[in-house]
Amino acid sequence: MQQKRALELIEKFQESFNQYHKLFLENYPLFSTKDYDFGSRELNTLGIKCQAYMTMLGKTAKARMNYIGFRQLFAFDNEVDWYSWKTWINKNRVDHTQYLSISMRIDTELKRMREFLKEDMWEVYCSLEENEFSVSYLRYEDFQPVDFKQNENLDNPGNPGSSTNIQVILNNHPEKVEKQMFSNIERIEKNTSILANIATFIARISGVKI
């Protein structure tokens, strides 16, 4: 892919992602105040755009984004799947901070792509493994499939519910630290749209003025 074309796609991806992220937080099921909540058509449209741009960036970008949790953040692109996702969120009381973390990692990956393009080294980016410099969405128990959890129990019977690999990740990045960070997000310099959106969202649900 030509450098100019790749950069154009990344900027379109970033613009749609920023808008999606803002609407995603405004419509998050646990905090939505809508009387009749059928999701957002604009949110679905932006989701489709981001899915398309990610795919256009190639196999490596797609694999790395999905490793981070792209499919979890973009879990729907129509009203039917939104309703299923909303029901799952409400039933399991899925914490919003997991999605905030995934958003920030996607934003970081877009910055990483730009750095490779800046040096005219897109082919080197395309040689990266999916997990290089990245944290898997599987560190969050809510996103682990049932068969994954069962296999981890078999692999590590002395420590039910976690394998050695997952345990290392969780110990290095405890979820309570992430929640702490997001609860104090207004103290962080908000120099990106993603951080600004998160700060506004946290202020709205906590009544904090920023």
Protein backbone atom coordinates (compact mmCIF):
# COMPACT_ATOMS: atom_id res chain seq x y z
CA MET A 1 0.00 0.00 0.00
CA GLN A 2 1.27 3.47 -0.84
CA GLN A 3 2.28 5.60 2.13
CA LYS A 4 -0.05 8.47 1.19
CA ARG A 5 -3.04 6.15 0.83
CA ALA A 6 -2.33 4.43 4.16
CA LEU A 7 -2.12 7.77 5.94
CA GLU A 8 -5.41 8.92 4.38
CA LEU A 9 -7.12 5.75 5.65
CA ILE A 10 -5.66 6.19 9.14
CA GLU A 11 -6.92 9.76 9.35
CA LYS A 12 -10.40 8.70 8.18
CA PHE A 13 -10.28 5.85 10.70
CA GLN A 14 -9.25 8.26 13.47
CA GLU A 15 -11.98 10.78 12.66
CA SER A 16 -14.72 8.14 12.59
CA PHE A 17 -13.31 6.46 15.70
CA ASN A 18 -13.31 9.73 17.68
CA GLN A 19 -16.96 10.31 16.80
CA TYR A 20 -17.87 6.67 17.50
CA HIS A 21 -16.12 6.73 20.86
CA LYS A 22 -18.04 9.82 21.99
CA LEU A 23 -21.42 8.36 20.97
CA PHE A 24 -20.51 4.97 22.46
CA LEU A 25 -19.99 6.55 25.87
CA GLU A 26 -23.14 8.65 25.59
CA ASN A 27 -25.17 5.54 24.79
CA TYR A 28 -23.48 3.08 27.16
CA PRO A 29 -26.35 0.93 28.52
CA LEU A 30 -25.52 1.21 32.22
CA PHE A 31 -25.59 5.01 32.05
CA SER A 32 -28.11 5.70 29.30
CA THR A 33 -31.13 7.73 30.41
CA LYS A 34 -33.20 7.19 27.27
CA ASP A 35 -36.80 6.10 27.87
CA TYR A 36 -36.79 3.99 24.71
CA ASP A 37 -33.29 2.82 23.94
CA PHE A 38 -32.88 1.26 20.50
CA GLY A 39 -29.28 2.35 20.07
CA SER A 40 -28.01 4.96 17.65
CA ARG A 41 -28.16 4.72 13.87
CA GLU A 42 -25.27 7.18 13.65
CA LEU A 43 -23.25 4.96 15.98
CA ASN A 44 -23.90 1.97 13.74
CA THR A 45 -22.86 3.92 10.64
CA LEU A 46 -19.63 5.06 12.27
CA GLY A 47 -18.95 1.50 13.38
CA ILE A 48 -19.25 0.24 9.82
CA LYS A 49 -16.85 2.95 8.65
CA CYS A 50 -14.26 1.98 11.26
CA GLN A 51 -14.61 -1.70 10.38
CA ALA A 52 -14.05 -0.86 6.72
CA TYR A 53 -11.04 1.40 7.31
CA MET A 54 -9.40 -1.15 9.60
CA THR A 55 -9.81 -3.88 7.00
CA MET A 56 -8.46 -1.62 4.23
CA LEU A 57 -5.27 -1.09 6.24
CA GLY A 58 -4.40 -4.73 5.75
CA LYS A 59 -3.99 -8.05 7.50
CA THR A 60 -1.49 -6.92 10.15
CA ALA A 61 -3.52 -3.88 11.21
CA LYS A 62 -6.65 -6.01 11.42
CA ALA A 63 -4.96 -8.72 13.52
CA ARG A 64 -3.38 -6.21 15.89
CA MET A 65 -6.58 -4.22 16.34
CA ASN A 66 -8.58 -7.37 17.05
CA TYR A 67 -5.92 -8.52 19.54
CA ILE A 68 -6.41 -5.24 21.43
CA GLY A 69 -10.21 -5.61 21.42
CA PHE A 70 -11.57 -3.89 18.32
CA ARG A 71 -14.35 -6.46 17.94
CA GLN A 72 -15.37 -5.99 21.56
CA LEU A 73 -15.63 -2.21 21.25
CA PHE A 74 -17.39 -2.53 17.87
CA ALA A 75 -19.70 -5.32 18.97
CA PHE A 76 -22.66 -4.16 16.87
CA ASP A 77 -23.45 -2.26 13.66
CA ASN A 78 -27.24 -2.63 13.57
CA GLU A 79 -30.22 -2.38 15.92
CA VAL A 80 -30.61 -6.14 16.43
CA ASP A 81 -27.00 -6.67 17.53
CA TRP A 82 -27.13 -3.49 19.62
CA TYR A 83 -30.11 -4.87 21.55
CA SER A 84 -28.31 -8.17 22.20
CA TRP A 85 -25.17 -6.34 23.30
CA LYS A 86 -27.16 -3.95 25.52
CA THR A 87 -28.92 -6.88 27.17
CA TRP A 88 -25.58 -8.59 27.85
CA ILE A 89 -24.08 -5.42 29.33
CA ASN A 90 -27.05 -4.85 31.63
CA LYS A 91 -27.34 -8.48 32.70
CA ASN A 92 -23.65 -8.87 33.55
CA ARG A 93 -23.08 -5.28 34.71
CA VAL A 94 -20.04 -5.08 32.46
CA ASP A 95 -17.76 -2.30 33.66
CA HIS A 96 -17.33 0.58 31.21
CA THR A 97 -13.65 1.06 32.12
CA GLN A 98 -12.74 -2.02 30.10
CA TYR A 99 -14.03 -0.30 26.98
CA LEU A 100 -12.26 2.93 27.89
CA SER A 101 -8.98 1.00 28.10
CA ILE A 102 -9.58 -0.66 24.73
CA SER A 103 -10.34 2.74 23.20
CA MET A 104 -7.07 4.17 24.41
CA ARG A 105 -5.13 1.17 23.08
CA ILE A 106 -6.75 1.52 19.66
CA ASP A 107 -5.86 5.21 19.68
CA THR A 108 -2.27 4.28 20.56
CA GLU A 109 -2.11 1.77 17.72
CA LEU A 110 -3.17 4.45 15.23
CA LYS A 111 -0.35 6.65 16.53
CA ARG A 112 2.06 3.73 16.12
CA MET A 113 1.00 3.32 12.49
CA ARG A 114 1.70 7.00 11.85
CA GLU A 115 5.23 6.64 13.22
CA PHE A 116 6.03 3.84 10.79
CA LEU A 117 4.56 5.85 7.93
CA LYS A 118 6.52 8.92 8.96
CA GLU A 119 9.71 6.92 8.40
CA ASP A 120 8.37 5.37 5.19
CA MET A 121 8.48 1.94 6.86
CA TRP A 122 4.94 0.66 6.44
CA GLU A 123 6.24 -2.73 5.31
CA VAL A 124 8.05 -3.05 8.66
CA TYR A 125 4.80 -2.35 10.51
CA CYS A 126 3.18 -5.06 8.43
CA SER A 127 5.79 -7.54 9.71
CA LEU A 128 4.80 -7.05 13.38
CA GLU A 129 3.22 -9.91 15.30
CA GLU A 130 -0.28 -9.23 16.58
CA ASN A 131 0.84 -9.10 20.22
CA GLU A 132 3.99 -6.95 19.93
CA PHE A 133 3.73 -3.91 22.26
CA SER A 134 0.05 -4.77 22.86
CA VAL A 135 -2.24 -5.97 25.65
CA SER A 136 -4.93 -8.52 24.77
CA TYR A 137 -8.60 -7.88 25.45
CA LEU A 138 -8.60 -11.36 27.02
CA ARG A 139 -7.07 -9.90 30.16
CA TYR A 140 -10.67 -8.93 31.01
CA GLU A 141 -12.71 -11.82 32.33
CA ASP A 142 -15.96 -10.45 30.86
CA PHE A 143 -14.55 -10.98 27.36
CA GLN A 144 -13.15 -14.46 27.89
CA PRO A 145 -15.24 -17.15 26.14
CA VAL A 146 -16.47 -20.05 28.25
CA ASP A 147 -14.27 -22.61 26.48
CA PHE A 148 -11.25 -20.33 27.05
CA LYS A 149 -11.89 -20.27 30.79
CA GLN A 150 -12.38 -24.04 30.88
CA ASN A 151 -9.14 -24.65 29.00
CA GLU A 152 -7.27 -22.35 31.37
CA ASN A 153 -8.58 -24.36 34.32
CA LEU A 154 -7.27 -27.57 32.75
CA ASP A 155 -3.90 -26.01 31.97
CA ASN A 156 -3.47 -24.73 35.50
CA PRO A 157 -5.59 -26.83 37.91
CA GLY A 158 -3.83 -25.40 40.97
CA ASN A 159 -5.12 -21.92 40.21
CA PRO A 160 -8.69 -22.19 38.90
CA GLY A 161 -9.81 -19.61 36.40
CA SER A 162 -6.41 -18.36 35.24
CA SER A 163 -3.41 -19.61 33.29
CA THR A 164 0.19 -18.57 33.87
CA ASN A 165 0.10 -16.21 30.89
CA ILE A 166 -3.14 -14.50 31.84
CA GLN A 167 -2.05 -14.30 35.48
CA VAL A 168 1.12 -12.44 34.50
CA ILE A 169 -0.87 -9.92 32.47
CA LEU A 170 -3.36 -9.34 35.26
CA ASN A 171 -0.63 -8.89 37.86
CA ASN A 172 1.16 -6.33 35.73
CA HIS A 173 -2.01 -4.40 34.92
CA PRO A 174 -4.52 -4.82 37.79
CA GLU A 175 -8.00 -3.69 36.81
CA LYS A 176 -8.44 -1.72 40.02
CA VAL A 177 -5.55 0.49 38.92
CA GLU A 178 -7.33 1.21 35.62
CA LYS A 179 -10.53 2.10 37.47
CA GLN A 180 -8.52 4.37 39.74
CA MET A 181 -6.92 6.06 36.75
CA PHE A 182 -10.23 6.67 34.99
CA SER A 183 -11.83 8.00 38.16
CA ASN A 184 -9.13 10.68 38.19
CA ILE A 185 -9.00 11.26 34.44
CA GLU A 186 -9.76 14.97 34.86
CA ARG A 187 -6.23 15.39 36.26
CA ILE A 188 -4.63 14.07 33.07
CA GLU A 189 -3.73 16.44 30.28
CA LYS A 190 -6.43 15.80 27.68
CA ASN A 191 -4.38 16.26 24.52
CA THR A 192 -6.33 13.81 22.35
CA SER A 193 -9.99 13.51 21.39
CA ILE A 194 -10.21 10.09 23.04
CA LEU A 195 -8.98 11.41 26.41
CA ALA A 196 -11.23 14.44 26.14
CA ASN A 197 -14.24 12.21 25.44
CA ILE A 198 -13.38 9.95 28.38
CA ALA A 199 -12.94 12.93 30.72
CA THR A 200 -16.30 14.40 29.67
CA PHE A 201 -18.00 11.03 30.16
CA ILE A 202 -16.46 10.46 33.61
CA ALA A 203 -17.48 13.98 34.66
CA ARG A 204 -21.05 13.38 33.51
CA ILE A 205 -21.52 10.10 35.43
CA SER A 206 -19.72 11.30 38.56
CA GLY A 207 -20.86 14.92 38.68
CA VAL A 208 -17.25 16.16 38.60
CA LYS A 209 -16.55 19.55 37.02
CA ILE A 210 -13.49 19.65 34.73
